[in-house]
Amino acid sequence: MFILLFPNKKNTQISSYFLDKKSPLLIYDYKIANNRLTYFYWDQKGKNAKSIPFETQNSYSIELRGNQVFYKKEQLTFDKSNKLKPIIVNGKTIIYLSDYDRGIGFYTLRKINLDRLIK
């Protein structure tokens, strides 16, 4: 029997960078379609988009409340960063935009692997 353990400490950081830490500083949106993840960003040349392979069978939006990510009514994030557009992919990975550890408004994609929370 598996028990899903959610963090209960406000200082616990369970997310990590989805893209390389040196990814564009101003990512403002993303989408998943046709087994590709496309992210949209600003740089000195203006608006840009980049697509990377990303195999998925299903994805859907999950709750963002009080600027925190929730899954199955359990709060997963506790930091003060700004967050946008959380989704769950294949029932095991949560992806969202966050400016955690980057400065206000400097978003990148972060992920939470739910497999790591199962004990």
Protein backbone atom coordinates (compact mmCIF):
# COMPACT_ATOMS: atom_id res chain seq x y z
CA MET A 1 0.00 0.00 0.00
CA PHE A 2 1.32 3.42 -0.96
CA ILE A 3 0.68 6.53 1.05
CA LEU A 4 1.05 9.90 -0.57
CA LEU A 5 2.98 12.16 1.77
CA PHE A 6 2.59 15.86 1.20
CA PRO A 7 4.98 18.33 2.75
CA ASN A 8 3.70 20.14 5.78
CA LYS A 9 6.62 22.44 6.48
CA LYS A 10 6.42 25.92 5.10
CA ASN A 11 10.14 25.94 4.27
CA THR A 12 10.10 22.66 2.33
CA GLN A 13 10.92 23.10 -1.36
CA ILE A 14 9.83 20.07 -3.33
CA SER A 15 9.91 21.60 -6.79
CA SER A 16 12.87 21.81 -9.12
CA TYR A 17 13.69 23.47 -12.41
CA PHE A 18 11.95 21.87 -15.36
CA LEU A 19 14.22 23.60 -17.87
CA ASP A 20 17.92 24.25 -17.52
CA LYS A 21 18.60 26.88 -14.88
CA LYS A 22 19.99 29.11 -17.64
CA SER A 23 16.68 29.12 -19.50
CA PRO A 24 15.29 32.48 -20.71
CA LEU A 25 14.57 34.87 -17.85
CA LEU A 26 11.16 36.03 -19.03
CA ILE A 27 9.06 32.99 -19.81
CA TYR A 28 5.44 34.10 -19.77
CA ASP A 29 3.42 31.10 -21.00
CA TYR A 30 3.61 27.49 -22.11
CA LYS A 31 1.46 24.80 -23.71
CA ILE A 32 1.61 21.07 -24.27
CA ALA A 33 0.37 19.64 -27.57
CA ASN A 34 1.33 16.79 -29.88
CA ASN A 35 3.96 15.43 -27.48
CA ARG A 36 5.78 18.77 -27.38
CA LEU A 37 6.05 21.42 -24.70
CA THR A 38 6.27 24.91 -26.13
CA TYR A 39 7.25 27.82 -23.94
CA PHE A 40 6.97 31.48 -24.83
CA TYR A 41 9.44 34.08 -23.65
CA TRP A 42 10.76 37.59 -24.13
CA ASP A 43 14.38 38.48 -24.80
CA GLN A 44 16.29 41.32 -26.44
CA LYS A 45 14.85 40.24 -29.82
CA GLY A 46 11.23 40.39 -28.61
CA LYS A 47 8.73 37.54 -28.36
CA ASN A 48 10.03 34.01 -28.94
CA ALA A 49 8.86 30.43 -28.65
CA LYS A 50 10.78 27.21 -28.23
CA SER A 51 9.43 23.66 -28.42
CA ILE A 52 10.96 20.59 -26.84
CA PRO A 53 9.87 16.94 -27.02
CA PHE A 54 7.60 16.05 -24.10
CA GLU A 55 5.67 12.81 -24.19
CA THR A 56 2.25 13.03 -22.60
CA GLN A 57 -0.91 10.98 -22.56
CA ASN A 58 -2.97 13.53 -20.63
CA SER A 59 -2.72 16.80 -18.80
CA TYR A 60 -5.13 19.10 -17.04
CA SER A 61 -5.12 22.22 -14.90
CA ILE A 62 -4.96 21.95 -11.14
CA GLU A 63 -5.79 24.42 -8.42
CA LEU A 64 -3.79 27.55 -7.71
CA ARG A 65 -5.13 29.18 -4.54
CA GLY A 66 -3.52 32.01 -2.60
CA ASN A 67 -0.56 31.78 -4.98
CA GLN A 68 0.07 28.18 -3.90
CA VAL A 69 -0.27 24.94 -5.88
CA PHE A 70 -2.82 22.41 -4.61
CA TYR A 71 -3.40 18.85 -5.77
CA LYS A 72 -6.28 16.73 -4.49
CA LYS A 73 -7.04 19.46 -1.93
CA GLU A 74 -3.51 19.25 -0.47
CA GLN A 75 -1.17 22.24 -0.57
CA LEU A 76 2.11 21.34 -2.30
CA THR A 77 3.96 24.67 -2.33
CA PHE A 78 4.57 26.99 0.58
CA ASP A 79 7.03 29.57 -0.74
CA LYS A 80 6.35 33.24 -1.44
CA SER A 81 7.12 33.07 -5.17
CA ASN A 82 4.57 34.03 -7.80
CA LYS A 83 3.07 31.06 -9.59
CA LEU A 84 0.97 30.62 -12.72
CA LYS A 85 -0.78 27.91 -14.71
CA PRO A 86 -0.18 24.67 -12.76
CA ILE A 87 -1.02 21.46 -14.63
CA ILE A 88 -0.58 17.79 -13.90
CA VAL A 89 0.88 15.63 -16.65
CA ASN A 90 0.36 11.87 -16.88
CA GLY A 91 -0.88 11.85 -13.28
CA LYS A 92 2.63 12.14 -11.87
CA THR A 93 4.31 15.45 -12.72
CA ILE A 94 3.10 18.95 -11.92
CA ILE A 95 4.44 21.77 -14.07
CA TYR A 96 3.90 25.47 -13.43
CA LEU A 97 5.42 28.88 -14.02
CA SER A 98 7.25 30.35 -11.03
CA ASP A 99 9.63 33.18 -10.26
CA TYR A 100 11.09 31.25 -7.28
CA ASP A 101 14.75 32.16 -6.72
CA ARG A 102 14.74 34.39 -9.84
CA GLY A 103 13.21 37.73 -8.92
CA ILE A 104 9.68 39.04 -9.17
CA GLY A 105 8.20 38.37 -12.60
CA PHE A 106 11.21 36.45 -13.95
CA TYR A 107 9.31 33.23 -14.53
CA THR A 108 10.61 29.83 -15.51
CA LEU A 109 9.02 26.39 -15.56
CA ARG A 110 9.25 24.34 -12.38
CA LYS A 111 8.14 20.77 -11.73
CA ILE A 112 7.04 18.63 -8.84
CA ASN A 113 7.49 14.89 -9.28
CA LEU A 114 4.70 13.22 -7.35
CA ASP A 115 6.60 9.92 -7.53
CA ARG A 116 9.14 11.44 -5.12
CA LEU A 117 6.37 12.10 -2.59
CA ILE A 118 5.17 8.49 -2.50
CA LYS A 119 6.63 6.47 0.33
